[in-house]
Each structure stands twice: as C-alpha cells, then as structure tokens.
C-alpha cells in the first residue's frame, strides 16, 4: 500500500521573514504597517506576499489565514498557474482595499462637522498607505505663488520644524510647488536629488531632500473650480517613482481634500454670528 506523504507546513515552505509577513497580512495589517515594522519598502512587502501566495498555493487572504492555521493546500490549484493566481488575488484585494478606503474617506468627510484637522490627517493617512509613501503634506495656496504647509502626516521632525518656521512662503520656480503654481498640473519628480535645482541653494529643495529624506515625490493641484486651493503632496524616501495608479489615487485624495475644506468653510460660516 502506497503511503501518502503529509503536506508540508507553512513553516517548512516559507522563510522566517515570509512567515512574519504572512501572519501580519492574514491578521489584517496593511503593506504600510508591515513595511514600517520590518524596515522595508511597502513594495517589498507586496513582492513577498506574491511569493507567499504562490508557495502556499492560496488565492485569497482567507485561504492564507486558513493555511497558516493548518489547513491543507488547495487540491485544484496547479503549480504552473500559481504565480498568475497569486498576482490576480493580490490585485483584487488591493482594489477592494482602495474602494474601502475611498468609502471611508467620504464617510469621514460627511461626519466631520467641520473638524478639518482630523479629516485631513485621515485623508493623508489613507493616501500614504495606498500609494506606498512615507509622508505627506497638504499645502494651502495663498496666491502669488505662495504656500503654507497646513497639514502633515508622517513627516520627519526636522522637515516639519523647517516648514513650520517658514509660515507662508514662496518656493523657487524650479521646485515642484513652484511649477505647480504656474502650470496647475500634476508634478511627478522621479528623484528630487537628480534635478538641477538640488545643485542650487534652493531652500525648499534642500529641506525636502536633506531634512525630509525624500527622493521620489508627486504634487497634485487641489482645484476649487478654476482656482488653485493648494497642493496635495506625497513623498517616498527611496527612488521609486510614482506610477499612473498611484498618481491617480493621489488625485482622488486631493479632490476629496478640496471637498473637505469647502465643507469646513461652510460649517464655519454657519456657526459665525451674523
């Protein structure tokens, strides 16, 4: 009688790091949370998860949780299709996470009652998570090319202190904010240290790169009709340019930020004495 070998456990199949990531993801941690805990990039977390799904032959987070709890591998998944299935499964889960985040942002805005600081912090938090960025800043536009950092999330302390010390300031014309003020269009900078402006004495670019440790950066114009209301900016501290999906998400969050600001102004006006 032929003896069937017992199925290998996840610990037999995965590396220690993969086990760590798999358990964290299965219990609900996001790429950003896992990346921060392990001091790696969110994109690296995704790469590990694709390998984990393939090795464990699972096609959803529920399957992953069950497999980690001792369930056997799926009998109907073929190993040559595992890579495709793992990629499709992760892509679907990411799409669902985006939809849930955007729905939560709308819920927060609708219930904010004018508490703009909490709303902006939440919007920036979702943007950083979904766009795999380390920190974000919402710059209010004061006209004539001048900005003020009005809301921040995850920003390194020295960069925060520098921005708070500037108050309302006018950035150089070659910086991302300077170009956005003129063109009213998205600015996607692959590496802030690779542009010529970094070689000059421009204070904003120096502070962004050195005090903030930023490398890749995208700035989205926040438009209220035809008027520039501000700039929604997110930063990565490694050279990982933002692709179309990330910039599209950032644009959506920028649009929601404008809605939140306008709601706050309306609530403030209603509360003001006549």
C-alpha atoms as a PDB file:
ATOM      1  CA  UNK A   1       0.000   0.000   0.000  1.00  0.00           C
ATOM      2  CA  UNK A   2       1.376   3.387  -1.060  1.00  0.00           C
ATOM      3  CA  UNK A   3       1.975   5.870   1.745  1.00  0.00           C
ATOM      4  CA  UNK A   4       0.986   9.487   1.081  1.00  0.00           C
ATOM      5  CA  UNK A   5       3.472  11.967   2.468  1.00  0.00           C
ATOM      6  CA  UNK A   6       1.949  14.576   4.791  1.00  0.00           C
ATOM      7  CA  UNK A   7       1.582  18.066   3.404  1.00  0.00           C
ATOM      8  CA  UNK A   8       4.369  20.434   4.336  1.00  0.00           C
ATOM      9  CA  UNK A   9       3.511  23.131   6.867  1.00  0.00           C
ATOM     10  CA  UNK A  10       3.912  26.833   6.020  1.00  0.00           C
ATOM     11  CA  UNK A  11       6.964  26.911   8.308  1.00  0.00           C
ATOM     12  CA  UNK A  12       8.572  24.206   6.133  1.00  0.00           C
ATOM     13  CA  UNK A  13       7.858  26.128   2.919  1.00  0.00           C
ATOM     14  CA  UNK A  14       8.388  29.789   3.805  1.00  0.00           C
ATOM     15  CA  UNK A  15      11.359  31.682   5.138  1.00  0.00           C
ATOM     16  CA  UNK A  16      11.227  33.271   8.588  1.00  0.00           C
ATOM     17  CA  UNK A  17      10.635  36.704   7.009  1.00  0.00           C
ATOM     18  CA  UNK A  18       7.853  35.334   4.778  1.00  0.00           C
ATOM     19  CA  UNK A  19       6.149  33.723   7.780  1.00  0.00           C
ATOM     20  CA  UNK A  20       6.323  37.042   9.609  1.00  0.00           C
ATOM     21  CA  UNK A  21       4.773  38.918   6.679  1.00  0.00           C
ATOM     22  CA  UNK A  22       2.159  36.232   6.002  1.00  0.00           C
ATOM     23  CA  UNK A  23       0.898  36.208   9.581  1.00  0.00           C
ATOM     24  CA  UNK A  24       0.780  40.002   9.763  1.00  0.00           C
ATOM     25  CA  UNK A  25      -1.111  40.296   6.467  1.00  0.00           C
ATOM     26  CA  UNK A  26      -3.534  37.494   7.349  1.00  0.00           C
ATOM     27  CA  UNK A  27      -4.496  39.253  10.581  1.00  0.00           C
ATOM     28  CA  UNK A  28      -5.258  42.484   8.711  1.00  0.00           C
ATOM     29  CA  UNK A  29      -2.094  44.603   8.730  1.00  0.00           C
ATOM     30  CA  UNK A  30      -1.578  46.766   5.631  1.00  0.00           C
ATOM     31  CA  UNK A  31       1.525  46.841   3.456  1.00  0.00           C
ATOM     32  CA  UNK A  32       2.484  50.158   5.074  1.00  0.00           C
ATOM     33  CA  UNK A  33       2.179  48.850   8.637  1.00  0.00           C
ATOM     34  CA  UNK A  34       4.166  45.706   7.852  1.00  0.00           C
ATOM     35  CA  UNK A  35       6.816  47.696   5.997  1.00  0.00           C
ATOM     36  CA  UNK A  36       7.266  50.121   8.896  1.00  0.00           C
ATOM     37  CA  UNK A  37       7.611  47.270  11.393  1.00  0.00           C
ATOM     38  CA  UNK A  38      10.181  45.400   9.314  1.00  0.00           C
ATOM     39  CA  UNK A  39      12.015  48.496   7.985  1.00  0.00           C
ATOM     40  CA  UNK A  40      11.397  47.583   4.344  1.00  0.00           C
ATOM     41  CA  UNK A  41       9.516  49.245   1.483  1.00  0.00           C
ATOM     42  CA  UNK A  42       5.767  48.544   1.035  1.00  0.00           C
ATOM     43  CA  UNK A  43       6.536  47.314  -2.499  1.00  0.00           C
ATOM     44  CA  UNK A  44       8.873  44.725  -0.958  1.00  0.00           C
ATOM     45  CA  UNK A  45       6.018  43.535   1.244  1.00  0.00           C
ATOM     46  CA  UNK A  46       3.902  43.007  -1.868  1.00  0.00           C
ATOM     47  CA  UNK A  47       6.699  41.089  -3.588  1.00  0.00           C
ATOM     48  CA  UNK A  48       6.977  38.800  -0.561  1.00  0.00           C
ATOM     49  CA  UNK A  49       3.204  38.279  -0.495  1.00  0.00           C
ATOM     50  CA  UNK A  50       3.131  37.273  -4.156  1.00  0.00           C
ATOM     51  CA  UNK A  51       5.779  34.647  -3.393  1.00  0.00           C
ATOM     52  CA  UNK A  52       3.886  33.535  -0.273  1.00  0.00           C
ATOM     53  CA  UNK A  53       0.618  33.065  -2.180  1.00  0.00           C
ATOM     54  CA  UNK A  54       2.456  31.094  -4.855  1.00  0.00           C
ATOM     55  CA  UNK A  55       4.369  28.858  -2.446  1.00  0.00           C
ATOM     56  CA  UNK A  56       1.361  28.116  -0.236  1.00  0.00           C
ATOM     57  CA  UNK A  57      -0.954  27.738  -3.254  1.00  0.00           C
ATOM     58  CA  UNK A  58      -3.593  30.127  -1.889  1.00  0.00           C
ATOM     59  CA  UNK A  59      -5.762  32.625  -3.735  1.00  0.00           C
ATOM     60  CA  UNK A  60      -7.154  34.909  -1.011  1.00  0.00           C
ATOM     61  CA  UNK A  61      -6.420  36.337   2.400  1.00  0.00           C
ATOM     62  CA  UNK A  62      -8.952  33.926   3.912  1.00  0.00           C
ATOM     63  CA  UNK A  63      -7.153  30.987   2.293  1.00  0.00           C
ATOM     64  CA  UNK A  64      -3.860  32.322   3.606  1.00  0.00           C
ATOM     65  CA  UNK A  65      -5.223  32.563   7.141  1.00  0.00           C
ATOM     66  CA  UNK A  66      -6.606  29.024   6.931  1.00  0.00           C
ATOM     67  CA  UNK A  67      -3.321  27.667   5.562  1.00  0.00           C
ATOM     68  CA  UNK A  68      -1.375  29.307   8.376  1.00  0.00           C
ATOM     69  CA  UNK A  69      -3.791  27.694  10.844  1.00  0.00           C
ATOM     70  CA  UNK A  70      -3.040  24.231   9.462  1.00  0.00           C
ATOM     71  CA  UNK A  71      -5.463  23.730   6.555  1.00  0.00           C
ATOM     72  CA  UNK A  72      -4.082  21.668   3.654  1.00  0.00           C
ATOM     73  CA  UNK A  73      -3.252  23.317   0.310  1.00  0.00           C
ATOM     74  CA  UNK A  74      -6.000  23.589  -2.285  1.00  0.00           C
ATOM     75  CA  UNK A  75      -6.262  20.422  -4.300  1.00  0.00           C
ATOM     76  CA  UNK A  76      -7.355  22.083  -7.545  1.00  0.00           C
ATOM     77  CA  UNK A  77      -4.594  24.655  -7.967  1.00  0.00           C
ATOM     78  CA  UNK A  78      -1.829  23.734 -10.391  1.00  0.00           C
ATOM     79  CA  UNK A  79       1.649  24.856  -9.561  1.00  0.00           C
ATOM     80  CA  UNK A  80       2.261  26.320 -13.037  1.00  0.00           C
ATOM     81  CA  UNK A  81      -0.752  28.576 -12.582  1.00  0.00           C
ATOM     82  CA  UNK A  82       0.090  29.582  -9.024  1.00  0.00           C
ATOM     83  CA  UNK A  83       2.036  32.713  -9.978  1.00  0.00           C
ATOM     84  CA  UNK A  84      -0.833  34.060 -12.091  1.00  0.00           C
ATOM     85  CA  UNK A  85      -3.387  33.251  -9.419  1.00  0.00           C
ATOM     86  CA  UNK A  86      -1.331  34.900  -6.673  1.00  0.00           C
ATOM     87  CA  UNK A  87      -0.962  38.083  -8.725  1.00  0.00           C
ATOM     88  CA  UNK A  88      -4.673  38.228  -9.561  1.00  0.00           C
ATOM     89  CA  UNK A  89      -5.622  37.568  -5.939  1.00  0.00           C
ATOM     90  CA  UNK A  90      -3.404  40.349  -4.600  1.00  0.00           C
ATOM     91  CA  UNK A  91      -4.592  42.770  -7.282  1.00  0.00           C
ATOM     92  CA  UNK A  92      -8.214  42.068  -6.371  1.00  0.00           C
ATOM     93  CA  UNK A  93      -7.548  42.524  -2.666  1.00  0.00           C
ATOM     94  CA  UNK A  94      -5.752  45.812  -3.379  1.00  0.00           C
ATOM     95  CA  UNK A  95      -8.686  47.043  -5.488  1.00  0.00           C
ATOM     96  CA  UNK A  96     -11.092  46.209  -2.682  1.00  0.00           C
ATOM     97  CA  UNK A  97      -8.844  47.987  -0.185  1.00  0.00           C
ATOM     98  CA  UNK A  98      -8.832  51.100  -2.381  1.00  0.00           C
ATOM     99  CA  UNK A  99     -12.624  51.087  -2.624  1.00  0.00           C
ATOM    100  CA  UNK A 100     -12.966  50.646   1.132  1.00  0.00           C
ATOM    101  CA  UNK A 101     -10.506  53.476   1.811  1.00  0.00           C
ATOM    102  CA  UNK A 102     -12.290  55.890  -0.510  1.00  0.00           C
ATOM    103  CA  UNK A 103     -15.639  54.982   1.015  1.00  0.00           C
ATOM    104  CA  UNK A 104     -14.188  55.586   4.488  1.00  0.00           C
ATOM    105  CA  UNK A 105     -12.832  58.985   3.423  1.00  0.00           C
ATOM    106  CA  UNK A 106     -16.278  60.022   2.200  1.00  0.00           C
ATOM    107  CA  UNK A 107     -17.798  58.807   5.463  1.00  0.00           C
ATOM    108  CA  UNK A 108     -15.257  60.794   7.491  1.00  0.00           C
ATOM    109  CA  UNK A 109     -15.905  63.942   5.462  1.00  0.00           C
ATOM    110  CA  UNK A 110     -19.668  63.625   5.795  1.00  0.00           C
ATOM    111  CA  UNK A 111     -19.423  63.264   9.588  1.00  0.00           C
ATOM    112  CA  UNK A 112     -16.579  65.694  10.205  1.00  0.00           C
ATOM    113  CA  UNK A 113     -18.732  68.589  11.472  1.00  0.00           C
ATOM    114  CA  UNK A 114     -16.013  70.991  10.380  1.00  0.00           C
ATOM    115  CA  UNK A 115     -13.150  69.241  12.245  1.00  0.00           C
ATOM    116  CA  UNK A 116     -10.752  69.696   9.356  1.00  0.00           C
ATOM    117  CA  UNK A 117      -7.533  68.633  11.124  1.00  0.00           C
ATOM    118  CA  UNK A 118      -8.812  65.128  11.847  1.00  0.00           C
ATOM    119  CA  UNK A 119     -10.231  64.801   8.342  1.00  0.00           C
ATOM    120  CA  UNK A 120      -7.000  65.851   6.626  1.00  0.00           C
ATOM    121  CA  UNK A 121      -4.946  63.566   8.831  1.00  0.00           C
ATOM    122  CA  UNK A 122      -7.191  60.651   7.849  1.00  0.00           C
ATOM    123  CA  UNK A 123      -7.076  61.501   4.135  1.00  0.00           C
ATOM    124  CA  UNK A 124      -3.292  61.781   4.173  1.00  0.00           C
ATOM    125  CA  UNK A 125      -3.060  58.516   6.112  1.00  0.00           C
ATOM    126  CA  UNK A 126      -5.085  56.605   3.522  1.00  0.00           C
ATOM    127  CA  UNK A 127      -3.109  58.214   0.690  1.00  0.00           C
ATOM    128  CA  UNK A 128       0.221  57.214   2.223  1.00  0.00           C
ATOM    129  CA  UNK A 129      -0.958  53.654   2.763  1.00  0.00           C
ATOM    130  CA  UNK A 130      -2.452  53.078  -0.682  1.00  0.00           C
ATOM    131  CA  UNK A 131       0.273  54.967  -2.581  1.00  0.00           C
ATOM    132  CA  UNK A 132       3.076  53.355  -0.563  1.00  0.00           C
ATOM    133  CA  UNK A 133       4.548  56.673   0.528  1.00  0.00           C
ATOM    134  CA  UNK A 134       6.318  57.557   3.766  1.00  0.00           C
ATOM    135  CA  UNK A 135       4.969  61.039   4.423  1.00  0.00           C
ATOM    136  CA  UNK A 136       2.564  63.603   3.020  1.00  0.00           C
ATOM    137  CA  UNK A 137       1.868  67.331   3.213  1.00  0.00           C
ATOM    138  CA  UNK A 138      -1.124  69.429   2.250  1.00  0.00           C
ATOM    139  CA  UNK A 139      -0.002  72.916   1.230  1.00  0.00           C
ATOM    140  CA  UNK A 140      -2.605  75.680   1.299  1.00  0.00           C
ATOM    141  CA  UNK A 141      -2.212  78.148  -1.567  1.00  0.00           C
ATOM    142  CA  UNK A 142      -2.170  81.852  -0.660  1.00  0.00           C
ATOM    143  CA  UNK A 143      -1.895  83.297  -4.165  1.00  0.00           C
ATOM    144  CA  UNK A 144       1.046  84.921  -5.956  1.00  0.00           C
ATOM    145  CA  UNK A 145       2.982  81.653  -5.881  1.00  0.00           C
ATOM    146  CA  UNK A 146       2.916  81.414  -2.073  1.00  0.00           C
ATOM    147  CA  UNK A 147       2.128  78.334   0.026  1.00  0.00           C
ATOM    148  CA  UNK A 148       1.806  77.263   3.648  1.00  0.00           C
ATOM    149  CA  UNK A 149       2.126  73.708   4.981  1.00  0.00           C
ATOM    150  CA  UNK A 150      -1.256  73.373   6.661  1.00  0.00           C
ATOM    151  CA  UNK A 151      -1.479  69.630   7.326  1.00  0.00           C
ATOM    152  CA  UNK A 152       1.201  66.943   7.574  1.00  0.00           C
ATOM    153  CA  UNK A 153       1.345  63.198   8.197  1.00  0.00           C
ATOM    154  CA  UNK A 154       4.387  61.029   8.880  1.00  0.00           C
ATOM    155  CA  UNK A 155       6.811  63.868   8.144  1.00  0.00           C
ATOM    156  CA  UNK A 156      10.320  63.721   9.691  1.00  0.00           C
ATOM    157  CA  UNK A 157      10.703  66.138  12.606  1.00  0.00           C
ATOM    158  CA  UNK A 158      13.462  68.352  11.127  1.00  0.00           C
ATOM    159  CA  UNK A 159      11.460  68.911   7.930  1.00  0.00           C
ATOM    160  CA  UNK A 160       8.301  69.642   9.933  1.00  0.00           C
ATOM    161  CA  UNK A 161      10.150  72.184  12.050  1.00  0.00           C
ATOM    162  CA  UNK A 162      11.574  73.856   8.962  1.00  0.00           C
ATOM    163  CA  UNK A 163       8.172  74.160   7.280  1.00  0.00           C
ATOM    164  CA  UNK A 164       6.510  75.491  10.429  1.00  0.00           C
ATOM    165  CA  UNK A 165       9.252  78.093  10.669  1.00  0.00           C
ATOM    166  CA  UNK A 166       8.587  79.270   7.101  1.00  0.00           C
ATOM    167  CA  UNK A 167       4.913  80.088   7.575  1.00  0.00           C
ATOM    168  CA  UNK A 168       3.625  81.427   4.260  1.00  0.00           C
ATOM    169  CA  UNK A 169       6.490  81.240   1.753  1.00  0.00           C
ATOM    170  CA  UNK A 170       7.184  81.411  -1.961  1.00  0.00           C
ATOM    171  CA  UNK A 171       9.077  78.381  -3.302  1.00  0.00           C
ATOM    172  CA  UNK A 172      11.562  78.652  -6.140  1.00  0.00           C
ATOM    173  CA  UNK A 173      10.181  78.408  -9.641  1.00  0.00           C
ATOM    174  CA  UNK A 174      12.004  75.137 -10.395  1.00  0.00           C
ATOM    175  CA  UNK A 175      10.689  73.287  -7.358  1.00  0.00           C
ATOM    176  CA  UNK A 176       7.664  71.043  -7.607  1.00  0.00           C
ATOM    177  CA  UNK A 177       5.440  73.561  -5.828  1.00  0.00           C
ATOM    178  CA  UNK A 178       6.766  76.402  -7.955  1.00  0.00           C
ATOM    179  CA  UNK A 179       5.982  74.558 -11.185  1.00  0.00           C
ATOM    180  CA  UNK A 180       2.549  73.528  -9.919  1.00  0.00           C
ATOM    181  CA  UNK A 181       1.644  77.144  -9.109  1.00  0.00           C
ATOM    182  CA  UNK A 182       2.375  78.144 -12.706  1.00  0.00           C
ATOM    183  CA  UNK A 183       1.040  75.156 -14.646  1.00  0.00           C
ATOM    184  CA  UNK A 184      -1.793  73.978 -12.352  1.00  0.00           C
ATOM    185  CA  UNK A 185      -0.803  70.426 -13.335  1.00  0.00           C
ATOM    186  CA  UNK A 186       0.491  67.314 -11.594  1.00  0.00           C
ATOM    187  CA  UNK A 187       4.242  67.327 -10.931  1.00  0.00           C
ATOM    188  CA  UNK A 188       5.870  63.878 -10.687  1.00  0.00           C
ATOM    189  CA  UNK A 189       9.535  64.018  -9.687  1.00  0.00           C
ATOM    190  CA  UNK A 190      11.384  60.724 -10.002  1.00  0.00           C
ATOM    191  CA  UNK A 191      14.306  61.770  -7.784  1.00  0.00           C
ATOM    192  CA  UNK A 192      14.488  65.140  -6.040  1.00  0.00           C
ATOM    193  CA  UNK A 193      18.283  64.892  -5.873  1.00  0.00           C
ATOM    194  CA  UNK A 194      18.677  64.281  -9.591  1.00  0.00           C
ATOM    195  CA  UNK A 195      17.161  67.588 -10.709  1.00  0.00           C
ATOM    196  CA  UNK A 196      19.357  70.629 -11.299  1.00  0.00           C
ATOM    197  CA  UNK A 197      17.530  72.637  -8.645  1.00  0.00           C
ATOM    198  CA  UNK A 198      19.075  70.361  -5.997  1.00  0.00           C
ATOM    199  CA  UNK A 199      22.518  71.644  -7.014  1.00  0.00           C
ATOM    200  CA  UNK A 200      21.472  75.241  -6.307  1.00  0.00           C
ATOM    201  CA  UNK A 201      20.868  76.898  -2.968  1.00  0.00           C
ATOM    202  CA  UNK A 202      17.089  76.490  -3.193  1.00  0.00           C
ATOM    203  CA  UNK A 203      15.980  76.154   0.457  1.00  0.00           C
ATOM    204  CA  UNK A 204      12.815  74.124  -0.161  1.00  0.00           C
ATOM    205  CA  UNK A 205      14.561  71.508  -2.286  1.00  0.00           C
ATOM    206  CA  UNK A 206      17.384  71.239   0.271  1.00  0.00           C
ATOM    207  CA  UNK A 207      14.901  70.832   3.133  1.00  0.00           C
ATOM    208  CA  UNK A 208      12.848  68.281   1.174  1.00  0.00           C
ATOM    209  CA  UNK A 209      15.847  66.129   0.280  1.00  0.00           C
ATOM    210  CA  UNK A 210      18.067  66.515   3.328  1.00  0.00           C
ATOM    211  CA  UNK A 211      15.745  67.257   6.254  1.00  0.00           C
ATOM    212  CA  UNK A 212      12.880  65.139   4.913  1.00  0.00           C
ATOM    213  CA  UNK A 213      14.995  62.444   3.270  1.00  0.00           C
ATOM    214  CA  UNK A 214      12.621  62.488   0.284  1.00  0.00           C
ATOM    215  CA  UNK A 215      13.619  61.023  -3.065  1.00  0.00           C
ATOM    216  CA  UNK A 216      10.514  60.405  -5.203  1.00  0.00           C
ATOM    217  CA  UNK A 217       7.700  62.939  -4.931  1.00  0.00           C
ATOM    218  CA  UNK A 218       4.378  63.786  -6.526  1.00  0.00           C
ATOM    219  CA  UNK A 219       2.380  67.009  -6.146  1.00  0.00           C
ATOM    220  CA  UNK A 220      -1.280  67.188  -7.158  1.00  0.00           C
ATOM    221  CA  UNK A 221      -3.024  70.540  -7.699  1.00  0.00           C
ATOM    222  CA  UNK A 222      -6.079  70.965  -5.496  1.00  0.00           C
ATOM    223  CA  UNK A 223      -8.548  72.864  -7.648  1.00  0.00           C
ATOM    224  CA  UNK A 224     -11.740  74.533  -6.489  1.00  0.00           C
ATOM    225  CA  UNK A 225     -13.346  75.223  -9.831  1.00  0.00           C
ATOM    226  CA  UNK A 226     -10.725  77.218 -11.722  1.00  0.00           C
ATOM    227  CA  UNK A 227      -8.977  78.365  -8.546  1.00  0.00           C
ATOM    228  CA  UNK A 228      -5.882  76.706  -7.091  1.00  0.00           C
ATOM    229  CA  UNK A 229      -6.654  75.917  -3.462  1.00  0.00           C
ATOM    230  CA  UNK A 230      -3.468  74.055  -2.603  1.00  0.00           C
ATOM    231  CA  UNK A 231      -1.142  71.182  -3.365  1.00  0.00           C
ATOM    232  CA  UNK A 232      -1.550  67.591  -2.169  1.00  0.00           C
ATOM    233  CA  UNK A 233       1.938  66.109  -1.909  1.00  0.00           C
ATOM    234  CA  UNK A 234       3.247  62.642  -1.026  1.00  0.00           C
ATOM    235  CA  UNK A 235       6.850  61.522  -0.715  1.00  0.00           C
ATOM    236  CA  UNK A 236       8.877  58.320  -0.810  1.00  0.00           C
ATOM    237  CA  UNK A 237      12.232  58.125   0.910  1.00  0.00           C
ATOM    238  CA  UNK A 238      13.694  55.870  -1.760  1.00  0.00           C
ATOM    239  CA  UNK A 239      13.909  56.289  -5.518  1.00  0.00           C
ATOM    240  CA  UNK A 240      10.637  54.622  -6.515  1.00  0.00           C
ATOM    241  CA  UNK A 241       8.802  56.890  -8.971  1.00  0.00           C
ATOM    242  CA  UNK A 242       5.034  57.066  -8.639  1.00  0.00           C
ATOM    243  CA  UNK A 243       3.227  55.255 -11.432  1.00  0.00           C
ATOM    244  CA  UNK A 244      -0.112  56.005 -13.041  1.00  0.00           C
ATOM    245  CA  UNK A 245      -2.126  54.080 -10.470  1.00  0.00           C
ATOM    246  CA  UNK A 246      -0.524  55.891  -7.533  1.00  0.00           C
ATOM    247  CA  UNK A 247      -0.864  59.329  -9.115  1.00  0.00           C
ATOM    248  CA  UNK A 248      -4.496  58.561  -9.959  1.00  0.00           C
ATOM    249  CA  UNK A 249      -5.145  57.638  -6.330  1.00  0.00           C
ATOM    250  CA  UNK A 250      -3.357  60.778  -5.144  1.00  0.00           C
ATOM    251  CA  UNK A 251      -5.550  62.861  -7.462  1.00  0.00           C
ATOM    252  CA  UNK A 252      -8.656  61.279  -5.947  1.00  0.00           C
ATOM    253  CA  UNK A 253      -7.484  62.074  -2.428  1.00  0.00           C
ATOM    254  CA  UNK A 254      -6.611  65.630  -3.479  1.00  0.00           C
ATOM    255  CA  UNK A 255     -10.153  66.052  -4.821  1.00  0.00           C
ATOM    256  CA  UNK A 256     -11.593  64.719  -1.568  1.00  0.00           C
ATOM    257  CA  UNK A 257      -9.399  67.161   0.365  1.00  0.00           C
ATOM    258  CA  UNK A 258     -10.917  70.076  -1.554  1.00  0.00           C
ATOM    259  CA  UNK A 259     -14.402  68.807  -0.692  1.00  0.00           C
ATOM    260  CA  UNK A 260     -13.422  68.525   2.983  1.00  0.00           C
ATOM    261  CA  UNK A 261     -12.013  72.072   3.036  1.00  0.00           C
ATOM    262  CA  UNK A 262     -15.111  73.506   1.398  1.00  0.00           C
ATOM    263  CA  UNK A 263     -17.346  71.627   3.844  1.00  0.00           C
ATOM    264  CA  UNK A 264     -15.316  73.018   6.756  1.00  0.00           C
ATOM    265  CA  UNK A 265     -15.674  76.554   5.414  1.00  0.00           C
ATOM    266  CA  UNK A 266     -19.436  76.151   5.064  1.00  0.00           C
ATOM    267  CA  UNK A 267     -19.758  74.786   8.595  1.00  0.00           C
ATOM    268  CA  UNK A 268     -17.615  77.655   9.880  1.00  0.00           C
ATOM    269  CA  UNK A 269     -19.773  80.202   8.074  1.00  0.00           C
ATOM    270  CA  UNK A 270     -22.962  78.728   9.524  1.00  0.00           C
ATOM    271  CA  UNK A 271     -21.512  78.923  13.030  1.00  0.00           C
ATOM    272  CA  UNK A 272     -20.301  82.501  12.679  1.00  0.00           C
ATOM    273  CA  UNK A 273     -22.579  85.136  14.216  1.00  0.00           C
ATOM    274  CA  UNK A 274     -24.466  87.283  11.713  1.00  0.00           C
END
